[in-house]
């Protein structure tokens, strides 16, 4: 059996940078460490950091309460790669004796700058992505949530632009590339003054392209990543449409399938929040057992 691993499988630059930032703070050993939200959408990584004393702040209300109670005093709070809205940074700025470590992905920071400038210039903002995703929440939080979020072509079809207004369209960095283009095509027919900025990161685009090619060429696909990971879910969606034998696992322990003799080629890809150690473990198992 041939086993093929996608070249871009695993941590992207932004996630690796954020995770390394947490470990650097742990090594300093000078302050209690909190992350605003799970540092990555991977329970194995979060649990490993939790065992080292890293605690997770779930939402603005929890952050505000901890700030008021003094529980954060003397600590370091790390902002994850997804970024945060201005409400979160304001709470941190007004909290006594807290070191804020900003590990926001540079590609996400770029979106923050774009929407801030365009909104200040009078343009209406449209974000393609999931309204509940922390990255999108952080983008909206740069401009007081004064934006429209479109997650599907159906959303785009229902959208009614304000006549004669100028619009700027950006995207969640991990959004489905084809879905973004489909939504943009619909918006271009509806909006006369529209500025499109493709902010899907290169790593996401390449990862999705590789997953599509592998799933078309392989008899079975294994997609590795956290169940709450948006980009991993999109990889699974892409692969499962092309390959009926597609498995979504978080670690080797989740892979209980027995591949039959008709499977001659297995493709493996992984989301941006999947550690290399887990990918290698799955890769070795498939090669040794089948």
C-alpha atoms as a PDB file:
ATOM      1  CA  UNK A   1       0.000   0.000   0.000  1.00  0.00           C
ATOM      2  CA  UNK A   2       1.234   3.465  -0.926  1.00  0.00           C
ATOM      3  CA  UNK A   3       0.971   6.112   1.805  1.00  0.00           C
ATOM      4  CA  UNK A   4       1.193   9.756   0.789  1.00  0.00           C
ATOM      5  CA  UNK A   5       1.533  12.667   3.205  1.00  0.00           C
ATOM      6  CA  UNK A   6       0.574  16.203   2.190  1.00  0.00           C
ATOM      7  CA  UNK A   7       3.611  18.490   2.271  1.00  0.00           C
ATOM      8  CA  UNK A   8       1.817  21.248   4.190  1.00  0.00           C
ATOM      9  CA  UNK A   9       0.229  18.995   6.829  1.00  0.00           C
ATOM     10  CA  UNK A  10       0.517  20.298  10.393  1.00  0.00           C
ATOM     11  CA  UNK A  11       1.258  23.551  12.183  1.00  0.00           C
ATOM     12  CA  UNK A  12       1.092  26.678  10.053  1.00  0.00           C
ATOM     13  CA  UNK A  13       3.416  29.606  10.765  1.00  0.00           C
ATOM     14  CA  UNK A  14       0.913  31.493  12.919  1.00  0.00           C
ATOM     15  CA  UNK A  15      -0.007  28.532  15.103  1.00  0.00           C
ATOM     16  CA  UNK A  16       3.593  27.381  15.537  1.00  0.00           C
ATOM     17  CA  UNK A  17       4.581  30.926  16.510  1.00  0.00           C
ATOM     18  CA  UNK A  18       1.743  31.116  19.075  1.00  0.00           C
ATOM     19  CA  UNK A  19       2.514  27.715  20.619  1.00  0.00           C
ATOM     20  CA  UNK A  20       6.234  28.515  20.792  1.00  0.00           C
ATOM     21  CA  UNK A  21       5.353  31.784  22.507  1.00  0.00           C
ATOM     22  CA  UNK A  22       3.567  29.880  25.276  1.00  0.00           C
ATOM     23  CA  UNK A  23       6.520  27.532  25.785  1.00  0.00           C
ATOM     24  CA  UNK A  24       8.890  30.502  25.906  1.00  0.00           C
ATOM     25  CA  UNK A  25       6.810  32.028  28.692  1.00  0.00           C
ATOM     26  CA  UNK A  26       6.775  28.687  30.524  1.00  0.00           C
ATOM     27  CA  UNK A  27      10.580  28.510  30.327  1.00  0.00           C
ATOM     28  CA  UNK A  28      10.886  31.998  31.817  1.00  0.00           C
ATOM     29  CA  UNK A  29       9.009  30.746  34.864  1.00  0.00           C
ATOM     30  CA  UNK A  30       8.471  34.260  36.193  1.00  0.00           C
ATOM     31  CA  UNK A  31       4.676  34.627  36.059  1.00  0.00           C
ATOM     32  CA  UNK A  32       1.497  32.523  36.040  1.00  0.00           C
ATOM     33  CA  UNK A  33       0.408  32.069  32.412  1.00  0.00           C
ATOM     34  CA  UNK A  34      -3.026  32.427  30.866  1.00  0.00           C
ATOM     35  CA  UNK A  35      -4.073  32.208  27.240  1.00  0.00           C
ATOM     36  CA  UNK A  36      -7.096  34.066  25.951  1.00  0.00           C
ATOM     37  CA  UNK A  37      -9.003  31.122  24.524  1.00  0.00           C
ATOM     38  CA  UNK A  38      -7.312  27.785  23.772  1.00  0.00           C
ATOM     39  CA  UNK A  39      -3.980  28.582  22.126  1.00  0.00           C
ATOM     40  CA  UNK A  40      -4.942  26.177  19.291  1.00  0.00           C
ATOM     41  CA  UNK A  41      -8.069  24.204  18.457  1.00  0.00           C
ATOM     42  CA  UNK A  42      -6.442  20.950  19.486  1.00  0.00           C
ATOM     43  CA  UNK A  43      -7.366  19.392  22.831  1.00  0.00           C
ATOM     44  CA  UNK A  44      -4.154  17.350  23.034  1.00  0.00           C
ATOM     45  CA  UNK A  45      -1.978  20.462  22.826  1.00  0.00           C
ATOM     46  CA  UNK A  46      -4.190  22.428  25.218  1.00  0.00           C
ATOM     47  CA  UNK A  47      -4.199  19.585  27.764  1.00  0.00           C
ATOM     48  CA  UNK A  48      -0.423  19.282  27.538  1.00  0.00           C
ATOM     49  CA  UNK A  49      -0.043  22.988  28.276  1.00  0.00           C
ATOM     50  CA  UNK A  50      -2.624  22.728  31.044  1.00  0.00           C
ATOM     51  CA  UNK A  51      -0.464  20.085  32.716  1.00  0.00           C
ATOM     52  CA  UNK A  52       2.322  22.678  32.742  1.00  0.00           C
ATOM     53  CA  UNK A  53       0.094  25.172  34.546  1.00  0.00           C
ATOM     54  CA  UNK A  54      -1.221  27.199  31.605  1.00  0.00           C
ATOM     55  CA  UNK A  55      -4.834  28.263  32.209  1.00  0.00           C
ATOM     56  CA  UNK A  56      -7.417  29.301  29.618  1.00  0.00           C
ATOM     57  CA  UNK A  57      -9.572  32.441  29.819  1.00  0.00           C
ATOM     58  CA  UNK A  58     -12.749  31.565  27.948  1.00  0.00           C
ATOM     59  CA  UNK A  59     -14.404  34.876  27.079  1.00  0.00           C
ATOM     60  CA  UNK A  60     -14.503  38.649  27.766  1.00  0.00           C
ATOM     61  CA  UNK A  61     -16.793  38.229  30.790  1.00  0.00           C
ATOM     62  CA  UNK A  62     -14.381  35.793  32.421  1.00  0.00           C
ATOM     63  CA  UNK A  63     -11.471  38.093  31.609  1.00  0.00           C
ATOM     64  CA  UNK A  64     -13.293  41.103  33.056  1.00  0.00           C
ATOM     65  CA  UNK A  65     -14.201  39.260  36.264  1.00  0.00           C
ATOM     66  CA  UNK A  66     -10.629  38.059  36.749  1.00  0.00           C
ATOM     67  CA  UNK A  67      -9.370  41.570  36.148  1.00  0.00           C
ATOM     68  CA  UNK A  68     -11.721  43.088  38.723  1.00  0.00           C
ATOM     69  CA  UNK A  69     -10.995  40.409  41.324  1.00  0.00           C
ATOM     70  CA  UNK A  70      -7.239  40.838  40.977  1.00  0.00           C
ATOM     71  CA  UNK A  71      -6.773  37.217  39.933  1.00  0.00           C
ATOM     72  CA  UNK A  72      -4.715  38.277  36.902  1.00  0.00           C
ATOM     73  CA  UNK A  73      -2.319  40.437  38.874  1.00  0.00           C
ATOM     74  CA  UNK A  74       1.279  39.373  38.331  1.00  0.00           C
ATOM     75  CA  UNK A  75       0.433  37.119  35.396  1.00  0.00           C
ATOM     76  CA  UNK A  76       1.100  36.951  31.654  1.00  0.00           C
ATOM     77  CA  UNK A  77      -1.858  36.736  29.274  1.00  0.00           C
ATOM     78  CA  UNK A  78      -1.097  35.416  25.795  1.00  0.00           C
ATOM     79  CA  UNK A  79      -3.341  36.382  22.891  1.00  0.00           C
ATOM     80  CA  UNK A  80      -3.600  33.436  20.520  1.00  0.00           C
ATOM     81  CA  UNK A  81      -3.049  33.417  16.750  1.00  0.00           C
ATOM     82  CA  UNK A  82      -6.739  34.120  16.058  1.00  0.00           C
ATOM     83  CA  UNK A  83      -6.430  37.616  17.519  1.00  0.00           C
ATOM     84  CA  UNK A  84      -8.969  39.485  19.642  1.00  0.00           C
ATOM     85  CA  UNK A  85     -11.265  42.501  19.450  1.00  0.00           C
ATOM     86  CA  UNK A  86     -10.610  45.888  20.994  1.00  0.00           C
ATOM     87  CA  UNK A  87     -12.841  45.055  23.967  1.00  0.00           C
ATOM     88  CA  UNK A  88     -10.383  42.375  25.081  1.00  0.00           C
ATOM     89  CA  UNK A  89      -7.279  44.519  24.606  1.00  0.00           C
ATOM     90  CA  UNK A  90      -8.906  47.371  26.525  1.00  0.00           C
ATOM     91  CA  UNK A  91      -9.595  45.117  29.505  1.00  0.00           C
ATOM     92  CA  UNK A  92      -6.001  43.903  29.479  1.00  0.00           C
ATOM     93  CA  UNK A  93      -4.632  47.437  29.105  1.00  0.00           C
ATOM     94  CA  UNK A  94      -6.621  48.501  32.164  1.00  0.00           C
ATOM     95  CA  UNK A  95      -5.645  45.514  34.317  1.00  0.00           C
ATOM     96  CA  UNK A  96      -2.971  46.184  36.913  1.00  0.00           C
ATOM     97  CA  UNK A  97       0.347  44.303  36.722  1.00  0.00           C
ATOM     98  CA  UNK A  98      -0.435  42.113  33.709  1.00  0.00           C
ATOM     99  CA  UNK A  99       1.960  41.424  30.863  1.00  0.00           C
ATOM    100  CA  UNK A 100       0.080  41.016  27.575  1.00  0.00           C
ATOM    101  CA  UNK A 101       1.907  38.878  25.003  1.00  0.00           C
ATOM    102  CA  UNK A 102       0.375  39.298  21.560  1.00  0.00           C
ATOM    103  CA  UNK A 103       0.793  36.133  19.472  1.00  0.00           C
ATOM    104  CA  UNK A 104      -1.789  37.141  16.868  1.00  0.00           C
ATOM    105  CA  UNK A 105      -0.894  35.732  13.455  1.00  0.00           C
ATOM    106  CA  UNK A 106       0.608  38.475  11.239  1.00  0.00           C
ATOM    107  CA  UNK A 107      -1.859  37.572   8.470  1.00  0.00           C
ATOM    108  CA  UNK A 108      -4.745  38.170  10.880  1.00  0.00           C
ATOM    109  CA  UNK A 109      -3.170  41.451  11.995  1.00  0.00           C
ATOM    110  CA  UNK A 110      -3.133  42.508   8.353  1.00  0.00           C
ATOM    111  CA  UNK A 111      -6.916  41.984   8.172  1.00  0.00           C
ATOM    112  CA  UNK A 112      -7.339  44.086  11.332  1.00  0.00           C
ATOM    113  CA  UNK A 113      -5.457  46.949   9.659  1.00  0.00           C
ATOM    114  CA  UNK A 114      -7.472  46.634   6.440  1.00  0.00           C
ATOM    115  CA  UNK A 115     -10.924  46.668   8.042  1.00  0.00           C
ATOM    116  CA  UNK A 116      -9.956  49.458  10.453  1.00  0.00           C
ATOM    117  CA  UNK A 117      -8.696  51.697   7.653  1.00  0.00           C
ATOM    118  CA  UNK A 118     -11.502  50.903   5.205  1.00  0.00           C
ATOM    119  CA  UNK A 119     -14.202  51.324   7.837  1.00  0.00           C
ATOM    120  CA  UNK A 120     -12.695  54.652   8.929  1.00  0.00           C
ATOM    121  CA  UNK A 121     -12.788  55.697   5.282  1.00  0.00           C
ATOM    122  CA  UNK A 122     -16.535  55.142   5.158  1.00  0.00           C
ATOM    123  CA  UNK A 123     -16.723  51.725   3.537  1.00  0.00           C
ATOM    124  CA  UNK A 124     -19.077  48.973   4.714  1.00  0.00           C
ATOM    125  CA  UNK A 125     -17.242  45.793   5.672  1.00  0.00           C
ATOM    126  CA  UNK A 126     -18.154  42.231   4.651  1.00  0.00           C
ATOM    127  CA  UNK A 127     -16.304  39.270   6.144  1.00  0.00           C
ATOM    128  CA  UNK A 128     -16.572  35.801   4.607  1.00  0.00           C
ATOM    129  CA  UNK A 129     -16.266  33.180   7.314  1.00  0.00           C
ATOM    130  CA  UNK A 130     -17.993  31.801  10.381  1.00  0.00           C
ATOM    131  CA  UNK A 131     -19.496  34.414  12.708  1.00  0.00           C
ATOM    132  CA  UNK A 132     -18.757  32.195  15.717  1.00  0.00           C
ATOM    133  CA  UNK A 133     -15.086  31.644  14.870  1.00  0.00           C
ATOM    134  CA  UNK A 134     -12.678  33.499  17.201  1.00  0.00           C
ATOM    135  CA  UNK A 135     -10.741  34.982  14.287  1.00  0.00           C
ATOM    136  CA  UNK A 136     -13.898  36.517  12.827  1.00  0.00           C
ATOM    137  CA  UNK A 137     -15.005  37.723  16.264  1.00  0.00           C
ATOM    138  CA  UNK A 138     -11.635  39.448  16.608  1.00  0.00           C
ATOM    139  CA  UNK A 139     -11.933  41.062  13.158  1.00  0.00           C
ATOM    140  CA  UNK A 140     -15.414  42.375  13.915  1.00  0.00           C
ATOM    141  CA  UNK A 141     -14.141  43.608  17.266  1.00  0.00           C
ATOM    142  CA  UNK A 142     -11.788  46.038  15.509  1.00  0.00           C
ATOM    143  CA  UNK A 143     -14.745  48.083  14.223  1.00  0.00           C
ATOM    144  CA  UNK A 144     -17.389  47.711  16.910  1.00  0.00           C
ATOM    145  CA  UNK A 145     -19.023  44.722  15.187  1.00  0.00           C
ATOM    146  CA  UNK A 146     -20.176  46.988  12.371  1.00  0.00           C
ATOM    147  CA  UNK A 147     -19.789  44.411   9.615  1.00  0.00           C
ATOM    148  CA  UNK A 148     -21.721  41.710   7.807  1.00  0.00           C
ATOM    149  CA  UNK A 149     -20.551  38.088   7.986  1.00  0.00           C
ATOM    150  CA  UNK A 150     -21.343  35.760   5.080  1.00  0.00           C
ATOM    151  CA  UNK A 151     -20.645  32.054   5.507  1.00  0.00           C
ATOM    152  CA  UNK A 152     -22.314  30.584   2.425  1.00  0.00           C
ATOM    153  CA  UNK A 153     -23.527  31.362  -1.058  1.00  0.00           C
ATOM    154  CA  UNK A 154     -27.041  31.293   0.402  1.00  0.00           C
ATOM    155  CA  UNK A 155     -26.037  34.090   2.790  1.00  0.00           C
ATOM    156  CA  UNK A 156     -24.657  36.039  -0.156  1.00  0.00           C
ATOM    157  CA  UNK A 157     -27.832  35.564  -2.186  1.00  0.00           C
ATOM    158  CA  UNK A 158     -29.947  36.848   0.729  1.00  0.00           C
ATOM    159  CA  UNK A 159     -27.683  39.831   1.372  1.00  0.00           C
ATOM    160  CA  UNK A 160     -29.171  43.206   0.381  1.00  0.00           C
ATOM    161  CA  UNK A 161     -26.492  45.896  -0.006  1.00  0.00           C
ATOM    162  CA  UNK A 162     -27.236  49.535   0.735  1.00  0.00           C
ATOM    163  CA  UNK A 163     -27.555  51.357  -2.622  1.00  0.00           C
ATOM    164  CA  UNK A 164     -24.602  53.549  -3.633  1.00  0.00           C
ATOM    165  CA  UNK A 165     -22.501  52.510  -0.621  1.00  0.00           C
ATOM    166  CA  UNK A 166     -18.903  51.358  -1.004  1.00  0.00           C
ATOM    167  CA  UNK A 167     -18.056  47.916   0.358  1.00  0.00           C
ATOM    168  CA  UNK A 168     -14.846  46.113   1.277  1.00  0.00           C
ATOM    169  CA  UNK A 169     -14.782  42.300   1.378  1.00  0.00           C
ATOM    170  CA  UNK A 170     -12.191  40.348   3.403  1.00  0.00           C
ATOM    171  CA  UNK A 171     -12.083  36.737   4.517  1.00  0.00           C
ATOM    172  CA  UNK A 172     -11.297  34.593   7.514  1.00  0.00           C
ATOM    173  CA  UNK A 173      -7.763  33.325   6.798  1.00  0.00           C
ATOM    174  CA  UNK A 174      -8.833  29.660   6.964  1.00  0.00           C
ATOM    175  CA  UNK A 175     -11.997  29.966   4.871  1.00  0.00           C
ATOM    176  CA  UNK A 176     -12.733  27.579   2.006  1.00  0.00           C
ATOM    177  CA  UNK A 177     -11.059  29.022  -1.093  1.00  0.00           C
ATOM    178  CA  UNK A 178     -13.741  27.937  -3.560  1.00  0.00           C
ATOM    179  CA  UNK A 179     -16.546  29.109  -1.291  1.00  0.00           C
ATOM    180  CA  UNK A 180     -14.896  32.531  -0.987  1.00  0.00           C
ATOM    181  CA  UNK A 181     -14.745  32.860  -4.774  1.00  0.00           C
ATOM    182  CA  UNK A 182     -18.368  31.756  -5.164  1.00  0.00           C
ATOM    183  CA  UNK A 183     -19.522  34.358  -2.614  1.00  0.00           C
ATOM    184  CA  UNK A 184     -17.424  37.074  -4.263  1.00  0.00           C
ATOM    185  CA  UNK A 185     -18.933  36.273  -7.663  1.00  0.00           C
ATOM    186  CA  UNK A 186     -22.428  36.793  -6.215  1.00  0.00           C
ATOM    187  CA  UNK A 187     -21.470  40.047  -4.460  1.00  0.00           C
ATOM    188  CA  UNK A 188     -19.927  41.509  -7.603  1.00  0.00           C
ATOM    189  CA  UNK A 189     -23.311  41.227  -9.306  1.00  0.00           C
ATOM    190  CA  UNK A 190     -25.051  42.976  -6.416  1.00  0.00           C
ATOM    191  CA  UNK A 191     -22.619  45.735  -5.437  1.00  0.00           C
ATOM    192  CA  UNK A 192     -21.338  48.403  -7.819  1.00  0.00           C
ATOM    193  CA  UNK A 193     -18.615  49.794  -5.551  1.00  0.00           C
ATOM    194  CA  UNK A 194     -16.865  46.772  -4.049  1.00  0.00           C
ATOM    195  CA  UNK A 195     -13.214  46.275  -3.082  1.00  0.00           C
ATOM    196  CA  UNK A 196     -12.221  42.601  -2.759  1.00  0.00           C
ATOM    197  CA  UNK A 197      -9.224  41.621  -0.606  1.00  0.00           C
ATOM    198  CA  UNK A 198      -8.408  37.909  -0.654  1.00  0.00           C
ATOM    199  CA  UNK A 199      -7.066  37.465   2.890  1.00  0.00           C
ATOM    200  CA  UNK A 200      -7.129  33.651   2.924  1.00  0.00           C
ATOM    201  CA  UNK A 201      -3.548  32.845   3.879  1.00  0.00           C
ATOM    202  CA  UNK A 202      -1.250  31.089   1.404  1.00  0.00           C
ATOM    203  CA  UNK A 203      -0.787  28.111   3.718  1.00  0.00           C
ATOM    204  CA  UNK A 204      -4.552  27.549   3.836  1.00  0.00           C
ATOM    205  CA  UNK A 205      -4.880  27.784   0.073  1.00  0.00           C
ATOM    206  CA  UNK A 206      -1.994  25.369  -0.512  1.00  0.00           C
ATOM    207  CA  UNK A 207      -3.227  22.959   2.174  1.00  0.00           C
ATOM    208  CA  UNK A 208      -6.697  22.841   0.600  1.00  0.00           C
ATOM    209  CA  UNK A 209      -5.261  22.437  -2.907  1.00  0.00           C
ATOM    210  CA  UNK A 210      -3.065  19.527  -1.790  1.00  0.00           C
ATOM    211  CA  UNK A 211      -5.961  17.874   0.067  1.00  0.00           C
ATOM    212  CA  UNK A 212      -8.137  18.116  -3.051  1.00  0.00           C
ATOM    213  CA  UNK A 213      -5.456  16.570  -5.265  1.00  0.00           C
ATOM    214  CA  UNK A 214      -4.688  13.759  -2.802  1.00  0.00           C
ATOM    215  CA  UNK A 215      -8.335  12.873  -2.250  1.00  0.00           C
ATOM    216  CA  UNK A 216      -8.838  12.558  -5.998  1.00  0.00           C
ATOM    217  CA  UNK A 217      -5.860  10.234  -6.370  1.00  0.00           C
ATOM    218  CA  UNK A 218      -6.109   8.072  -3.225  1.00  0.00           C
ATOM    219  CA  UNK A 219      -8.513   5.271  -2.262  1.00  0.00           C
ATOM    220  CA  UNK A 220      -8.693   6.462   1.359  1.00  0.00           C
ATOM    221  CA  UNK A 221      -7.941   9.725   3.156  1.00  0.00           C
ATOM    222  CA  UNK A 222      -7.066  10.418   6.783  1.00  0.00           C
ATOM    223  CA  UNK A 223      -7.561  13.981   8.005  1.00  0.00           C
ATOM    224  CA  UNK A 224      -5.904  14.711  11.372  1.00  0.00           C
ATOM    225  CA  UNK A 225      -6.878  17.617  13.588  1.00  0.00           C
ATOM    226  CA  UNK A 226      -8.964  18.978  16.432  1.00  0.00           C
ATOM    227  CA  UNK A 227     -12.731  18.559  16.267  1.00  0.00           C
ATOM    228  CA  UNK A 228     -13.140  22.287  16.906  1.00  0.00           C
ATOM    229  CA  UNK A 229     -10.617  23.302  14.259  1.00  0.00           C
ATOM    230  CA  UNK A 230     -12.245  25.253  11.439  1.00  0.00           C
ATOM    231  CA  UNK A 231      -9.478  24.668   8.920  1.00  0.00           C
ATOM    232  CA  UNK A 232      -9.355  20.922   9.649  1.00  0.00           C
ATOM    233  CA  UNK A 233     -13.123  20.628   9.217  1.00  0.00           C
ATOM    234  CA  UNK A 234     -12.782  22.316   5.825  1.00  0.00           C
ATOM    235  CA  UNK A 235     -10.071  19.825   4.829  1.00  0.00           C
ATOM    236  CA  UNK A 236     -12.391  16.970   5.783  1.00  0.00           C
ATOM    237  CA  UNK A 237     -15.229  18.510   3.757  1.00  0.00           C
ATOM    238  CA  UNK A 238     -12.977  18.851   0.705  1.00  0.00           C
ATOM    239  CA  UNK A 239     -11.621  15.309   0.978  1.00  0.00           C
ATOM    240  CA  UNK A 240     -14.930  13.586   1.743  1.00  0.00           C
ATOM    241  CA  UNK A 241     -16.527  15.062  -1.400  1.00  0.00           C
ATOM    242  CA  UNK A 242     -13.830  13.457  -3.534  1.00  0.00           C
ATOM    243  CA  UNK A 243     -13.066  10.300  -1.547  1.00  0.00           C
ATOM    244  CA  UNK A 244     -15.877   8.326   0.112  1.00  0.00           C
ATOM    245  CA  UNK A 245     -13.423   6.597   2.453  1.00  0.00           C
ATOM    246  CA  UNK A 246     -12.323   9.692   4.391  1.00  0.00           C
ATOM    247  CA  UNK A 247     -11.612   9.563   8.137  1.00  0.00           C
ATOM    248  CA  UNK A 248     -11.456  12.515  10.555  1.00  0.00           C
ATOM    249  CA  UNK A 249      -9.284  11.774  13.599  1.00  0.00           C
ATOM    250  CA  UNK A 250      -7.686  13.845  16.344  1.00  0.00           C
ATOM    251  CA  UNK A 251      -4.984  11.310  17.190  1.00  0.00           C
ATOM    252  CA  UNK A 252      -3.959   7.743  16.426  1.00  0.00           C
ATOM    253  CA  UNK A 253      -6.248   6.480  19.211  1.00  0.00           C
ATOM    254  CA  UNK A 254      -9.235   7.626  17.135  1.00  0.00           C
ATOM    255  CA  UNK A 255      -8.261   5.559  14.115  1.00  0.00           C
ATOM    256  CA  UNK A 256      -9.977   2.202  14.642  1.00  0.00           C
ATOM    257  CA  UNK A 257     -10.695   1.368  10.999  1.00  0.00           C
ATOM    258  CA  UNK A 258      -9.290  -1.655   9.204  1.00  0.00           C
ATOM    259  CA  UNK A 259      -8.437  -0.811   5.625  1.00  0.00           C
ATOM    260  CA  UNK A 260      -9.242  -3.684   3.281  1.00  0.00           C
ATOM    261  CA  UNK A 261      -7.024  -5.049   0.529  1.00  0.00           C
ATOM    262  CA  UNK A 262      -8.777  -2.984  -2.155  1.00  0.00           C
ATOM    263  CA  UNK A 263      -7.153   0.165  -0.759  1.00  0.00           C
ATOM    264  CA  UNK A 264      -3.945   0.660  -2.705  1.00  0.00           C
ATOM    265  CA  UNK A 265      -3.203   4.281  -1.786  1.00  0.00           C
ATOM    266  CA  UNK A 266      -3.836   6.227   1.439  1.00  0.00           C
ATOM    267  CA  UNK A 267      -3.500   9.997   1.655  1.00  0.00           C
ATOM    268  CA  UNK A 268      -2.848  11.815   4.916  1.00  0.00           C
ATOM    269  CA  UNK A 269      -3.315  15.513   5.615  1.00  0.00           C
ATOM    270  CA  UNK A 270      -3.633  17.517   8.816  1.00  0.00           C
ATOM    271  CA  UNK A 271      -4.980  20.844  10.018  1.00  0.00           C
ATOM    272  CA  UNK A 272      -2.925  23.876  10.983  1.00  0.00           C
ATOM    273  CA  UNK A 273      -3.209  23.072  14.705  1.00  0.00           C
ATOM    274  CA  UNK A 274      -1.976  19.460  14.500  1.00  0.00           C
ATOM    275  CA  UNK A 275       1.481  18.778  16.012  1.00  0.00           C
ATOM    276  CA  UNK A 276       4.060  17.025  13.865  1.00  0.00           C
ATOM    277  CA  UNK A 277       4.435  14.253  16.464  1.00  0.00           C
ATOM    278  CA  UNK A 278       0.810  13.169  16.009  1.00  0.00           C
ATOM    279  CA  UNK A 279       1.112  13.213  12.201  1.00  0.00           C
ATOM    280  CA  UNK A 280       4.254  11.079  12.310  1.00  0.00           C
ATOM    281  CA  UNK A 281       2.607   8.646  14.719  1.00  0.00           C
ATOM    282  CA  UNK A 282      -0.347   8.134  12.372  1.00  0.00           C
ATOM    283  CA  UNK A 283       1.932   7.924   9.324  1.00  0.00           C
ATOM    284  CA  UNK A 284       4.116   5.230  10.935  1.00  0.00           C
ATOM    285  CA  UNK A 285       1.080   3.213  12.047  1.00  0.00           C
ATOM    286  CA  UNK A 286      -0.515   3.170   8.601  1.00  0.00           C
ATOM    287  CA  UNK A 287       2.754   2.202   6.934  1.00  0.00           C
ATOM    288  CA  UNK A 288       3.533  -0.544   9.443  1.00  0.00           C
ATOM    289  CA  UNK A 289       0.056  -2.022   9.859  1.00  0.00           C
ATOM    290  CA  UNK A 290      -1.239  -1.968   6.305  1.00  0.00           C
END
